[in-house]
Amino acid sequence: MPGSVVAVSSNGEYTFSKPVRAEIRLLEGLGVEGDVHAGVTVKHRSRIAQDPTAPNLRQVHLIHAELFDDLAAAGFAVAPGELGENVTTRGLDLLGLPVGALLHLGAQAVVEVTGLRNPCAQIDGFRRGLLKQVVHRDENGGLVRRAGIMGVVRAGGPVRPGDAVTVTLPQGPHRPLDRV
């Protein structure tokens, strides 16, 4: 059963949260039209400082709405776009996808999954204590990141709330997601 798009967000300025929109347009090889993080090379400030010529593997940020449900149960009210994501989904195990999975959003757009979002201390600036909810250690001491996934646009097109999201898994052995 396919998942669905709950909300879409973009912002042309560097801010933590992104306003919810009626529609966003994905541009092949670039990201979200008009979004500050769109481009062939890295656009996140920390990544630019490290190597401004590195490829942008973080063109699109997706979060599962089920995370917001979990956060609400822990006392944190978080709405779509507030954690800086471009696409909020429901009904898909985004964190369980392998590197290279293709997400078909609506009739045209395709995003290739590149890895996990590596949340930073800015999340605590948004809601104090929230970082511990989205990043923690499991019982074996491994780091668990729950703040969504990142991807690159392989086919452009409009994406709207209510659009279906289907997954095509890559062939061969699946590589688990790691931070990008």
C-alpha atoms as a PDB file:
ATOM      1  CA  MET A   1       0.000   0.000   0.000  1.00  0.00           C
ATOM      2  CA  PRO A   2       1.443   3.389  -0.934  1.00  0.00           C
ATOM      3  CA  GLY A   3       2.076   6.139   1.527  1.00  0.00           C
ATOM      4  CA  SER A   4       0.941   9.684   1.012  1.00  0.00           C
ATOM      5  CA  VAL A   5       2.166  13.257   1.150  1.00  0.00           C
ATOM      6  CA  VAL A   6       0.746  15.062   4.195  1.00  0.00           C
ATOM      7  CA  ALA A   7       2.367  18.456   3.600  1.00  0.00           C
ATOM      8  CA  VAL A   8       5.005  20.203   1.491  1.00  0.00           C
ATOM      9  CA  SER A   9       7.260  23.073   2.570  1.00  0.00           C
ATOM     10  CA  SER A  10       9.966  25.308   1.165  1.00  0.00           C
ATOM     11  CA  ASN A  11      11.820  28.476   2.025  1.00  0.00           C
ATOM     12  CA  GLY A  12      14.117  30.708  -0.004  1.00  0.00           C
ATOM     13  CA  GLU A  13      15.885  31.894   3.167  1.00  0.00           C
ATOM     14  CA  TYR A  14      18.039  30.119   5.753  1.00  0.00           C
ATOM     15  CA  THR A  15      15.624  29.528   8.620  1.00  0.00           C
ATOM     16  CA  PHE A  16      15.100  26.448  10.757  1.00  0.00           C
ATOM     17  CA  SER A  17      11.435  25.953   9.859  1.00  0.00           C
ATOM     18  CA  LYS A  18       9.892  26.122   6.387  1.00  0.00           C
ATOM     19  CA  PRO A  19       6.416  27.479   5.603  1.00  0.00           C
ATOM     20  CA  VAL A  20       3.861  24.930   4.424  1.00  0.00           C
ATOM     21  CA  ARG A  21       2.841  25.415   0.794  1.00  0.00           C
ATOM     22  CA  ALA A  22      -0.045  24.219  -1.367  1.00  0.00           C
ATOM     23  CA  GLU A  23       2.532  22.763  -3.786  1.00  0.00           C
ATOM     24  CA  ILE A  24       6.260  22.496  -4.334  1.00  0.00           C
ATOM     25  CA  ARG A  25       8.014  21.727  -7.584  1.00  0.00           C
ATOM     26  CA  LEU A  26      10.983  19.370  -7.637  1.00  0.00           C
ATOM     27  CA  LEU A  27      13.684  20.147 -10.203  1.00  0.00           C
ATOM     28  CA  GLU A  28      15.754  17.254 -11.539  1.00  0.00           C
ATOM     29  CA  GLY A  29      19.292  17.307 -10.155  1.00  0.00           C
ATOM     30  CA  LEU A  30      18.651  20.441  -8.090  1.00  0.00           C
ATOM     31  CA  GLY A  31      15.994  20.028  -5.405  1.00  0.00           C
ATOM     32  CA  VAL A  32      12.948  22.085  -4.482  1.00  0.00           C
ATOM     33  CA  GLU A  33      12.363  25.095  -6.713  1.00  0.00           C
ATOM     34  CA  GLY A  34      12.992  28.306  -4.759  1.00  0.00           C
ATOM     35  CA  ASP A  35      14.313  26.501  -1.676  1.00  0.00           C
ATOM     36  CA  VAL A  36      17.578  27.702  -0.154  1.00  0.00           C
ATOM     37  CA  HIS A  37      18.948  24.132  -0.157  1.00  0.00           C
ATOM     38  CA  ALA A  38      18.410  23.547  -3.894  1.00  0.00           C
ATOM     39  CA  GLY A  39      21.515  23.104  -6.007  1.00  0.00           C
ATOM     40  CA  VAL A  40      24.020  20.703  -7.488  1.00  0.00           C
ATOM     41  CA  THR A  41      26.599  21.387  -4.759  1.00  0.00           C
ATOM     42  CA  VAL A  42      26.083  21.513  -0.974  1.00  0.00           C
ATOM     43  CA  LYS A  43      23.895  24.308   0.382  1.00  0.00           C
ATOM     44  CA  HIS A  44      23.786  23.582   4.114  1.00  0.00           C
ATOM     45  CA  ARG A  45      26.047  26.134   5.799  1.00  0.00           C
ATOM     46  CA  SER A  46      28.080  23.575   7.756  1.00  0.00           C
ATOM     47  CA  ARG A  47      28.688  21.568   4.577  1.00  0.00           C
ATOM     48  CA  ILE A  48      29.711  24.664   2.593  1.00  0.00           C
ATOM     49  CA  ALA A  49      32.321  25.454   5.258  1.00  0.00           C
ATOM     50  CA  GLN A  50      33.778  21.937   4.886  1.00  0.00           C
ATOM     51  CA  ASP A  51      33.799  21.725   1.066  1.00  0.00           C
ATOM     52  CA  PRO A  52      31.665  24.046  -1.086  1.00  0.00           C
ATOM     53  CA  THR A  53      32.285  21.849  -4.175  1.00  0.00           C
ATOM     54  CA  ALA A  54      30.866  18.644  -2.638  1.00  0.00           C
ATOM     55  CA  PRO A  55      27.771  17.208  -4.340  1.00  0.00           C
ATOM     56  CA  ASN A  56      24.459  18.095  -2.730  1.00  0.00           C
ATOM     57  CA  LEU A  57      23.090  14.808  -1.372  1.00  0.00           C
ATOM     58  CA  ARG A  58      20.577  16.780   0.726  1.00  0.00           C
ATOM     59  CA  GLN A  59      18.412  18.400  -1.968  1.00  0.00           C
ATOM     60  CA  VAL A  60      15.139  17.186  -0.430  1.00  0.00           C
ATOM     61  CA  HIS A  61      14.396  16.500   3.250  1.00  0.00           C
ATOM     62  CA  LEU A  62      11.525  14.107   4.043  1.00  0.00           C
ATOM     63  CA  ILE A  63      10.026  13.348   7.466  1.00  0.00           C
ATOM     64  CA  HIS A  64       7.370  10.812   8.381  1.00  0.00           C
ATOM     65  CA  ALA A  65       4.323  12.306  10.139  1.00  0.00           C
ATOM     66  CA  GLU A  66       4.408   9.346  12.526  1.00  0.00           C
ATOM     67  CA  LEU A  67       7.423  11.051  14.142  1.00  0.00           C
ATOM     68  CA  PHE A  68       5.194  14.008  15.001  1.00  0.00           C
ATOM     69  CA  ASP A  69       2.726  11.586  16.597  1.00  0.00           C
ATOM     70  CA  ASP A  70       5.536  10.137  18.745  1.00  0.00           C
ATOM     71  CA  LEU A  71       6.764  13.609  19.662  1.00  0.00           C
ATOM     72  CA  ALA A  72       3.242  14.704  20.656  1.00  0.00           C
ATOM     73  CA  ALA A  73       2.991  11.676  22.958  1.00  0.00           C
ATOM     74  CA  ALA A  74       6.251  12.855  24.570  1.00  0.00           C
ATOM     75  CA  GLY A  75       4.853  16.377  25.061  1.00  0.00           C
ATOM     76  CA  PHE A  76       6.281  18.132  21.992  1.00  0.00           C
ATOM     77  CA  ALA A  77       3.869  19.792  19.569  1.00  0.00           C
ATOM     78  CA  VAL A  78       5.529  19.796  16.137  1.00  0.00           C
ATOM     79  CA  ALA A  79       3.756  20.494  12.838  1.00  0.00           C
ATOM     80  CA  PRO A  80       4.811  19.856   9.221  1.00  0.00           C
ATOM     81  CA  GLY A  81       7.621  22.111   8.030  1.00  0.00           C
ATOM     82  CA  GLU A  82       8.699  23.078  11.528  1.00  0.00           C
ATOM     83  CA  LEU A  83      11.734  20.745  11.502  1.00  0.00           C
ATOM     84  CA  GLY A  84      12.823  22.124   8.130  1.00  0.00           C
ATOM     85  CA  GLU A  85      11.569  19.277   5.967  1.00  0.00           C
ATOM     86  CA  ASN A  86      10.304  19.746   2.424  1.00  0.00           C
ATOM     87  CA  VAL A  87       7.967  16.744   2.334  1.00  0.00           C
ATOM     88  CA  THR A  88       6.002  15.226   5.216  1.00  0.00           C
ATOM     89  CA  THR A  89       4.731  11.699   4.515  1.00  0.00           C
ATOM     90  CA  ARG A  90       2.494   9.188   6.235  1.00  0.00           C
ATOM     91  CA  GLY A  91       2.317   5.434   5.837  1.00  0.00           C
ATOM     92  CA  LEU A  92       5.950   4.762   4.816  1.00  0.00           C
ATOM     93  CA  ASP A  93       8.866   3.528   6.900  1.00  0.00           C
ATOM     94  CA  LEU A  94      11.241   6.190   5.603  1.00  0.00           C
ATOM     95  CA  LEU A  95      13.962   5.339   8.135  1.00  0.00           C
ATOM     96  CA  GLY A  96      13.887   1.685   7.081  1.00  0.00           C
ATOM     97  CA  LEU A  97      14.569   2.388   3.410  1.00  0.00           C
ATOM     98  CA  PRO A  98      17.955   1.513   1.897  1.00  0.00           C
ATOM     99  CA  VAL A  99      20.297   3.918   0.151  1.00  0.00           C
ATOM    100  CA  GLY A 100      19.208   4.223  -3.469  1.00  0.00           C
ATOM    101  CA  ALA A 101      15.495   3.603  -2.910  1.00  0.00           C
ATOM    102  CA  LEU A 102      13.364   5.671  -5.260  1.00  0.00           C
ATOM    103  CA  LEU A 103      10.383   7.561  -3.884  1.00  0.00           C
ATOM    104  CA  HIS A 104       7.751   8.324  -6.522  1.00  0.00           C
ATOM    105  CA  LEU A 105       5.840  11.391  -5.337  1.00  0.00           C
ATOM    106  CA  GLY A 106       2.657  12.158  -7.240  1.00  0.00           C
ATOM    107  CA  ALA A 107       2.512  11.595 -10.981  1.00  0.00           C
ATOM    108  CA  GLN A 108       6.029  12.714 -11.989  1.00  0.00           C
ATOM    109  CA  ALA A 109       8.531  13.452  -9.245  1.00  0.00           C
ATOM    110  CA  VAL A 110      11.137  10.906  -8.140  1.00  0.00           C
ATOM    111  CA  VAL A 111      13.562  11.311  -5.230  1.00  0.00           C
ATOM    112  CA  GLU A 112      16.499   8.942  -4.689  1.00  0.00           C
ATOM    113  CA  VAL A 113      17.207   8.339  -1.005  1.00  0.00           C
ATOM    114  CA  THR A 114      20.788   9.232  -0.044  1.00  0.00           C
ATOM    115  CA  GLY A 115      20.810   8.936   3.750  1.00  0.00           C
ATOM    116  CA  LEU A 116      19.616  10.099   7.138  1.00  0.00           C
ATOM    117  CA  ARG A 117      19.317  13.660   8.299  1.00  0.00           C
ATOM    118  CA  ASN A 118      21.903  14.373  10.946  1.00  0.00           C
ATOM    119  CA  PRO A 119      19.990  16.603  13.364  1.00  0.00           C
ATOM    120  CA  CYS A 120      21.899  19.322  15.173  1.00  0.00           C
ATOM    121  CA  ALA A 121      21.528  21.488  18.262  1.00  0.00           C
ATOM    122  CA  GLN A 122      19.293  23.926  16.324  1.00  0.00           C
ATOM    123  CA  ILE A 123      16.454  21.515  17.127  1.00  0.00           C
ATOM    124  CA  ASP A 124      16.801  22.378  20.822  1.00  0.00           C
ATOM    125  CA  GLY A 125      16.668  26.043  19.864  1.00  0.00           C
ATOM    126  CA  PHE A 126      13.290  25.323  18.289  1.00  0.00           C
ATOM    127  CA  ARG A 127      11.978  23.225  21.230  1.00  0.00           C
ATOM    128  CA  ARG A 128      14.170  22.656  24.279  1.00  0.00           C
ATOM    129  CA  GLY A 129      14.765  18.918  24.822  1.00  0.00           C
ATOM    130  CA  LEU A 130      13.619  17.931  21.326  1.00  0.00           C
ATOM    131  CA  LEU A 131      17.067  16.825  20.155  1.00  0.00           C
ATOM    132  CA  LYS A 132      17.041  13.938  22.648  1.00  0.00           C
ATOM    133  CA  GLN A 133      13.734  12.802  21.153  1.00  0.00           C
ATOM    134  CA  VAL A 134      15.055  12.614  17.594  1.00  0.00           C
ATOM    135  CA  VAL A 135      18.588  11.352  18.335  1.00  0.00           C
ATOM    136  CA  HIS A 136      19.356   8.792  21.006  1.00  0.00           C
ATOM    137  CA  ARG A 137      21.396   5.665  21.708  1.00  0.00           C
ATOM    138  CA  ASP A 138      19.865   2.206  21.394  1.00  0.00           C
ATOM    139  CA  GLU A 139      20.420  -0.597  23.895  1.00  0.00           C
ATOM    140  CA  ASN A 140      23.701  -1.515  22.149  1.00  0.00           C
ATOM    141  CA  GLY A 141      25.021   2.049  22.230  1.00  0.00           C
ATOM    142  CA  GLY A 142      24.358   2.697  18.541  1.00  0.00           C
ATOM    143  CA  LEU A 143      23.205   6.141  17.485  1.00  0.00           C
ATOM    144  CA  VAL A 144      19.580   6.279  16.301  1.00  0.00           C
ATOM    145  CA  ARG A 145      18.594   9.240  14.120  1.00  0.00           C
ATOM    146  CA  ARG A 146      14.853   9.754  13.644  1.00  0.00           C
ATOM    147  CA  ALA A 147      14.703  13.251  12.086  1.00  0.00           C
ATOM    148  CA  GLY A 148      13.978  12.096   8.551  1.00  0.00           C
ATOM    149  CA  ILE A 149      15.840  11.239   5.399  1.00  0.00           C
ATOM    150  CA  MET A 150      17.551  13.138   2.616  1.00  0.00           C
ATOM    151  CA  GLY A 151      17.479  12.622  -1.122  1.00  0.00           C
ATOM    152  CA  VAL A 152      18.279  13.952  -4.569  1.00  0.00           C
ATOM    153  CA  VAL A 153      15.767  14.657  -7.309  1.00  0.00           C
ATOM    154  CA  ARG A 154      15.940  12.166 -10.191  1.00  0.00           C
ATOM    155  CA  ALA A 155      12.765  13.358 -11.940  1.00  0.00           C
ATOM    156  CA  GLY A 156      11.097  16.700 -11.454  1.00  0.00           C
ATOM    157  CA  GLY A 157       7.456  17.575 -11.066  1.00  0.00           C
ATOM    158  CA  PRO A 158       4.871  19.050  -8.727  1.00  0.00           C
ATOM    159  CA  VAL A 159       4.253  17.544  -5.281  1.00  0.00           C
ATOM    160  CA  ARG A 160       1.097  18.319  -3.308  1.00  0.00           C
ATOM    161  CA  PRO A 161      -0.563  17.159  -0.111  1.00  0.00           C
ATOM    162  CA  GLY A 162      -2.634  14.052  -0.859  1.00  0.00           C
ATOM    163  CA  ASP A 163      -0.248  12.755  -3.536  1.00  0.00           C
ATOM    164  CA  ALA A 164       0.602   9.075  -3.341  1.00  0.00           C
ATOM    165  CA  VAL A 165       4.160   8.029  -2.490  1.00  0.00           C
ATOM    166  CA  THR A 166       5.389   4.666  -3.751  1.00  0.00           C
ATOM    167  CA  VAL A 167       8.800   3.064  -3.324  1.00  0.00           C
ATOM    168  CA  THR A 168      11.033   1.239  -5.779  1.00  0.00           C
ATOM    169  CA  LEU A 169      13.817  -0.614  -3.972  1.00  0.00           C
ATOM    170  CA  PRO A 170      17.281  -0.831  -5.527  1.00  0.00           C
ATOM    171  CA  GLN A 171      18.530  -4.124  -6.927  1.00  0.00           C
ATOM    172  CA  GLY A 172      21.300  -6.051  -5.242  1.00  0.00           C
ATOM    173  CA  PRO A 173      22.231  -5.961  -1.579  1.00  0.00           C
ATOM    174  CA  HIS A 174      20.572  -3.140   0.311  1.00  0.00           C
ATOM    175  CA  ARG A 175      22.774  -0.655   2.159  1.00  0.00           C
ATOM    176  CA  PRO A 176      21.250   0.738   5.343  1.00  0.00           C
ATOM    177  CA  LEU A 177      20.933   4.491   5.655  1.00  0.00           C
ATOM    178  CA  ASP A 178      23.673   6.478   7.372  1.00  0.00           C
ATOM    179  CA  ARG A 179      23.957  10.224   7.929  1.00  0.00           C
ATOM    180  CA  VAL A 180      24.639  12.475   4.955  1.00  0.00           C
END
